[in-house]
Amino acid sequence: MLTTTLKLPEDLKARIAPLAEAEGKTPHAWMVDALRAQVALADLRQAFVDDARRSASEVDAGGALFAMEDVAAYLRGRIAGSFPKRPAAVARGKRPKRAS
Protein backbone atom coordinates (compact mmCIF):
# COMPACT_ATOMS: atom_id res chain seq x y z
CA MET A 1 0.00 0.00 0.00
CA LEU A 2 1.05 3.54 -0.70
CA THR A 3 0.24 6.54 1.42
CA THR A 4 -1.35 9.57 -0.23
CA THR A 5 -2.33 12.78 1.48
CA LEU A 6 -5.65 14.17 0.37
CA LYS A 7 -6.76 17.61 1.46
CA LEU A 8 -10.54 17.82 1.61
CA PRO A 9 -12.74 20.86 1.96
CA GLU A 10 -14.30 20.96 5.44
CA ASP A 11 -17.84 20.57 4.11
CA LEU A 12 -16.93 17.47 2.10
CA LYS A 13 -15.15 15.87 5.03
CA ALA A 14 -18.21 16.58 7.20
CA ARG A 15 -20.49 14.92 4.63
CA ILE A 16 -18.29 11.82 4.33
CA ALA A 17 -18.17 11.02 8.06
CA PRO A 18 -21.88 10.18 8.51
CA LEU A 19 -22.00 8.31 5.22
CA ALA A 20 -19.08 6.15 6.30
CA GLU A 21 -20.58 5.59 9.73
CA ALA A 22 -23.91 4.54 8.19
CA GLU A 23 -22.05 1.84 6.26
CA GLY A 24 -20.04 0.77 9.29
CA LYS A 25 -16.79 1.99 7.74
CA THR A 26 -14.12 4.46 8.64
CA PRO A 27 -14.03 7.60 6.53
CA HIS A 28 -10.75 6.31 5.07
CA ALA A 29 -12.30 2.97 4.01
CA TRP A 30 -15.34 4.78 2.60
CA MET A 31 -13.13 7.09 0.51
CA VAL A 32 -11.02 4.16 -0.76
CA ASP A 33 -14.23 2.39 -1.83
CA ALA A 34 -15.50 5.58 -3.50
CA LEU A 35 -12.25 5.96 -5.42
CA ARG A 36 -12.31 2.29 -6.41
CA ALA A 37 -15.88 2.72 -7.73
CA GLN A 38 -14.90 5.80 -9.75
CA VAL A 39 -11.95 3.94 -11.29
CA ALA A 40 -14.31 1.09 -12.29
CA LEU A 41 -16.72 3.62 -13.88
CA ALA A 42 -13.87 5.31 -15.74
CA ASP A 43 -12.78 1.89 -17.06
CA LEU A 44 -16.33 1.17 -18.26
CA ARG A 45 -16.57 4.58 -19.95
CA GLN A 46 -13.25 4.03 -21.70
CA ALA A 47 -14.30 0.55 -22.85
CA PHE A 48 -17.53 2.06 -24.23
CA VAL A 49 -15.59 4.75 -26.14
CA ASP A 50 -13.11 2.19 -27.45
CA ASP A 51 -15.96 -0.05 -28.64
CA ALA A 52 -17.67 2.91 -30.33
CA ARG A 53 -14.45 3.83 -32.12
CA ARG A 54 -13.97 0.23 -33.30
CA SER A 55 -17.56 0.18 -34.56
CA ALA A 56 -17.09 3.49 -36.37
CA SER A 57 -13.94 2.12 -38.00
CA GLU A 58 -15.85 -0.96 -39.14
CA VAL A 59 -18.57 1.21 -40.68
CA ASP A 60 -15.96 3.45 -42.31
CA ALA A 61 -14.34 0.34 -43.78
CA GLY A 62 -17.63 -0.69 -45.40
CA GLY A 63 -19.21 -2.66 -42.56
CA ALA A 64 -22.92 -3.35 -42.39
CA LEU A 65 -25.40 -0.56 -41.67
CA PHE A 66 -28.82 -1.02 -40.10
CA ALA A 67 -31.88 1.21 -40.06
CA MET A 68 -32.41 2.72 -36.64
CA GLU A 69 -36.14 1.96 -36.73
CA ASP A 70 -35.47 -1.73 -37.45
CA VAL A 71 -32.94 -2.01 -34.63
CA ALA A 72 -35.26 -0.21 -32.20
CA ALA A 73 -38.17 -2.52 -33.11
CA TYR A 74 -35.92 -5.56 -32.65
CA LEU A 75 -34.77 -4.36 -29.23
CA ARG A 76 -38.34 -3.55 -28.13
CA GLY A 77 -39.33 -7.09 -29.09
CA ARG A 78 -36.45 -8.63 -27.16
CA ILE A 79 -37.25 -6.52 -24.09
CA ALA A 80 -40.86 -7.70 -24.33
CA GLY A 81 -39.63 -11.29 -24.25
CA SER A 82 -40.21 -12.24 -27.89
CA PHE A 83 -37.65 -13.38 -30.44
CA PRO A 84 -38.13 -11.07 -33.43
CA LYS A 85 -36.20 -11.54 -36.64
CA ARG A 86 -32.88 -9.70 -36.55
CA PRO A 87 -32.78 -6.52 -38.64
CA ALA A 88 -31.36 -6.83 -42.13
CA ALA A 89 -28.48 -4.65 -43.26
CA VAL A 90 -29.40 -1.80 -45.59
CA ALA A 91 -27.50 -0.86 -48.72
CA ARG A 92 -25.21 2.14 -48.41
CA GLY A 93 -26.66 5.33 -49.76
CA LYS A 94 -30.20 3.98 -49.56
CA ARG A 95 -32.60 4.88 -46.82
CA PRO A 96 -35.43 2.58 -45.91
CA LYS A 97 -38.94 3.85 -46.56
CA ARG A 98 -40.56 5.27 -43.46
CA ALA A 99 -43.87 3.91 -42.34
CA SER A 100 -46.63 6.46 -42.69
C-alpha atoms as a PDB file:
ATOM      1  CA  MET A   1       0.000   0.000   0.000  1.00  0.00           C
ATOM      2  CA  LEU A   2       1.053   3.538  -0.705  1.00  0.00           C
ATOM      3  CA  THR A   3       0.237   6.541   1.419  1.00  0.00           C
ATOM      4  CA  THR A   4      -1.345   9.567  -0.225  1.00  0.00           C
ATOM      5  CA  THR A   5      -2.327  12.782   1.475  1.00  0.00           C
ATOM      6  CA  LEU A   6      -5.647  14.170   0.368  1.00  0.00           C
ATOM      7  CA  LYS A   7      -6.756  17.611   1.456  1.00  0.00           C
ATOM      8  CA  LEU A   8     -10.535  17.823   1.614  1.00  0.00           C
ATOM      9  CA  PRO A   9     -12.742  20.862   1.957  1.00  0.00           C
ATOM     10  CA  GLU A  10     -14.296  20.957   5.439  1.00  0.00           C
ATOM     11  CA  ASP A  11     -17.845  20.567   4.110  1.00  0.00           C
ATOM     12  CA  LEU A  12     -16.933  17.469   2.100  1.00  0.00           C
ATOM     13  CA  LYS A  13     -15.151  15.869   5.032  1.00  0.00           C
ATOM     14  CA  ALA A  14     -18.207  16.579   7.196  1.00  0.00           C
ATOM     15  CA  ARG A  15     -20.490  14.921   4.633  1.00  0.00           C
ATOM     16  CA  ILE A  16     -18.289  11.816   4.335  1.00  0.00           C
ATOM     17  CA  ALA A  17     -18.166  11.021   8.059  1.00  0.00           C
ATOM     18  CA  PRO A  18     -21.879  10.184   8.514  1.00  0.00           C
ATOM     19  CA  LEU A  19     -22.004   8.306   5.216  1.00  0.00           C
ATOM     20  CA  ALA A  20     -19.082   6.149   6.297  1.00  0.00           C
ATOM     21  CA  GLU A  21     -20.582   5.594   9.726  1.00  0.00           C
ATOM     22  CA  ALA A  22     -23.914   4.542   8.190  1.00  0.00           C
ATOM     23  CA  GLU A  23     -22.048   1.839   6.264  1.00  0.00           C
ATOM     24  CA  GLY A  24     -20.036   0.773   9.291  1.00  0.00           C
ATOM     25  CA  LYS A  25     -16.787   1.989   7.742  1.00  0.00           C
ATOM     26  CA  THR A  26     -14.117   4.456   8.636  1.00  0.00           C
ATOM     27  CA  PRO A  27     -14.025   7.603   6.532  1.00  0.00           C
ATOM     28  CA  HIS A  28     -10.750   6.307   5.066  1.00  0.00           C
ATOM     29  CA  ALA A  29     -12.300   2.968   4.010  1.00  0.00           C
ATOM     30  CA  TRP A  30     -15.341   4.782   2.602  1.00  0.00           C
ATOM     31  CA  MET A  31     -13.129   7.090   0.509  1.00  0.00           C
ATOM     32  CA  VAL A  32     -11.021   4.163  -0.761  1.00  0.00           C
ATOM     33  CA  ASP A  33     -14.230   2.386  -1.832  1.00  0.00           C
ATOM     34  CA  ALA A  34     -15.502   5.577  -3.497  1.00  0.00           C
ATOM     35  CA  LEU A  35     -12.246   5.963  -5.424  1.00  0.00           C
ATOM     36  CA  ARG A  36     -12.312   2.288  -6.414  1.00  0.00           C
ATOM     37  CA  ALA A  37     -15.884   2.719  -7.728  1.00  0.00           C
ATOM     38  CA  GLN A  38     -14.898   5.797  -9.747  1.00  0.00           C
ATOM     39  CA  VAL A  39     -11.953   3.937 -11.291  1.00  0.00           C
ATOM     40  CA  ALA A  40     -14.314   1.093 -12.292  1.00  0.00           C
ATOM     41  CA  LEU A  41     -16.721   3.619 -13.876  1.00  0.00           C
ATOM     42  CA  ALA A  42     -13.872   5.307 -15.735  1.00  0.00           C
ATOM     43  CA  ASP A  43     -12.778   1.895 -17.063  1.00  0.00           C
ATOM     44  CA  LEU A  44     -16.330   1.170 -18.256  1.00  0.00           C
ATOM     45  CA  ARG A  45     -16.567   4.580 -19.953  1.00  0.00           C
ATOM     46  CA  GLN A  46     -13.248   4.029 -21.703  1.00  0.00           C
ATOM     47  CA  ALA A  47     -14.298   0.546 -22.851  1.00  0.00           C
ATOM     48  CA  PHE A  48     -17.534   2.061 -24.232  1.00  0.00           C
ATOM     49  CA  VAL A  49     -15.593   4.751 -26.136  1.00  0.00           C
ATOM     50  CA  ASP A  50     -13.105   2.188 -27.449  1.00  0.00           C
ATOM     51  CA  ASP A  51     -15.957  -0.050 -28.637  1.00  0.00           C
ATOM     52  CA  ALA A  52     -17.670   2.910 -30.325  1.00  0.00           C
ATOM     53  CA  ARG A  53     -14.450   3.829 -32.118  1.00  0.00           C
ATOM     54  CA  ARG A  54     -13.975   0.229 -33.299  1.00  0.00           C
ATOM     55  CA  SER A  55     -17.558   0.178 -34.558  1.00  0.00           C
ATOM     56  CA  ALA A  56     -17.094   3.488 -36.367  1.00  0.00           C
ATOM     57  CA  SER A  57     -13.942   2.123 -38.002  1.00  0.00           C
ATOM     58  CA  GLU A  58     -15.847  -0.962 -39.145  1.00  0.00           C
ATOM     59  CA  VAL A  59     -18.569   1.211 -40.680  1.00  0.00           C
ATOM     60  CA  ASP A  60     -15.963   3.455 -42.310  1.00  0.00           C
ATOM     61  CA  ALA A  61     -14.342   0.338 -43.781  1.00  0.00           C
ATOM     62  CA  GLY A  62     -17.627  -0.693 -45.400  1.00  0.00           C
ATOM     63  CA  GLY A  63     -19.210  -2.662 -42.559  1.00  0.00           C
ATOM     64  CA  ALA A  64     -22.924  -3.349 -42.388  1.00  0.00           C
ATOM     65  CA  LEU A  65     -25.399  -0.556 -41.667  1.00  0.00           C
ATOM     66  CA  PHE A  66     -28.823  -1.020 -40.098  1.00  0.00           C
ATOM     67  CA  ALA A  67     -31.883   1.211 -40.062  1.00  0.00           C
ATOM     68  CA  MET A  68     -32.411   2.716 -36.636  1.00  0.00           C
ATOM     69  CA  GLU A  69     -36.142   1.959 -36.733  1.00  0.00           C
ATOM     70  CA  ASP A  70     -35.468  -1.727 -37.449  1.00  0.00           C
ATOM     71  CA  VAL A  71     -32.936  -2.008 -34.635  1.00  0.00           C
ATOM     72  CA  ALA A  72     -35.263  -0.210 -32.195  1.00  0.00           C
ATOM     73  CA  ALA A  73     -38.168  -2.520 -33.111  1.00  0.00           C
ATOM     74  CA  TYR A  74     -35.921  -5.562 -32.654  1.00  0.00           C
ATOM     75  CA  LEU A  75     -34.773  -4.357 -29.226  1.00  0.00           C
ATOM     76  CA  ARG A  76     -38.337  -3.553 -28.129  1.00  0.00           C
ATOM     77  CA  GLY A  77     -39.335  -7.089 -29.090  1.00  0.00           C
ATOM     78  CA  ARG A  78     -36.449  -8.633 -27.161  1.00  0.00           C
ATOM     79  CA  ILE A  79     -37.250  -6.523 -24.091  1.00  0.00           C
ATOM     80  CA  ALA A  80     -40.859  -7.696 -24.332  1.00  0.00           C
ATOM     81  CA  GLY A  81     -39.631 -11.295 -24.255  1.00  0.00           C
ATOM     82  CA  SER A  82     -40.208 -12.244 -27.888  1.00  0.00           C
ATOM     83  CA  PHE A  83     -37.653 -13.380 -30.441  1.00  0.00           C
ATOM     84  CA  PRO A  84     -38.134 -11.068 -33.433  1.00  0.00           C
ATOM     85  CA  LYS A  85     -36.199 -11.543 -36.640  1.00  0.00           C
ATOM     86  CA  ARG A  86     -32.877  -9.700 -36.553  1.00  0.00           C
ATOM     87  CA  PRO A  87     -32.779  -6.523 -38.641  1.00  0.00           C
ATOM     88  CA  ALA A  88     -31.364  -6.832 -42.134  1.00  0.00           C
ATOM     89  CA  ALA A  89     -28.476  -4.652 -43.263  1.00  0.00           C
ATOM     90  CA  VAL A  90     -29.405  -1.802 -45.589  1.00  0.00           C
ATOM     91  CA  ALA A  91     -27.496  -0.857 -48.715  1.00  0.00           C
ATOM     92  CA  ARG A  92     -25.205   2.140 -48.414  1.00  0.00           C
ATOM     93  CA  GLY A  93     -26.655   5.331 -49.758  1.00  0.00           C
ATOM     94  CA  LYS A  94     -30.197   3.983 -49.559  1.00  0.00           C
ATOM     95  CA  ARG A  95     -32.597   4.884 -46.820  1.00  0.00           C
ATOM     96  CA  PRO A  96     -35.435   2.582 -45.909  1.00  0.00           C
ATOM     97  CA  LYS A  97     -38.944   3.849 -46.556  1.00  0.00           C
ATOM     98  CA  ARG A  98     -40.561   5.267 -43.457  1.00  0.00           C
ATOM     99  CA  ALA A  99     -43.875   3.909 -42.343  1.00  0.00           C
ATOM    100  CA  SER A 100     -46.634   6.459 -42.691  1.00  0.00           C
END
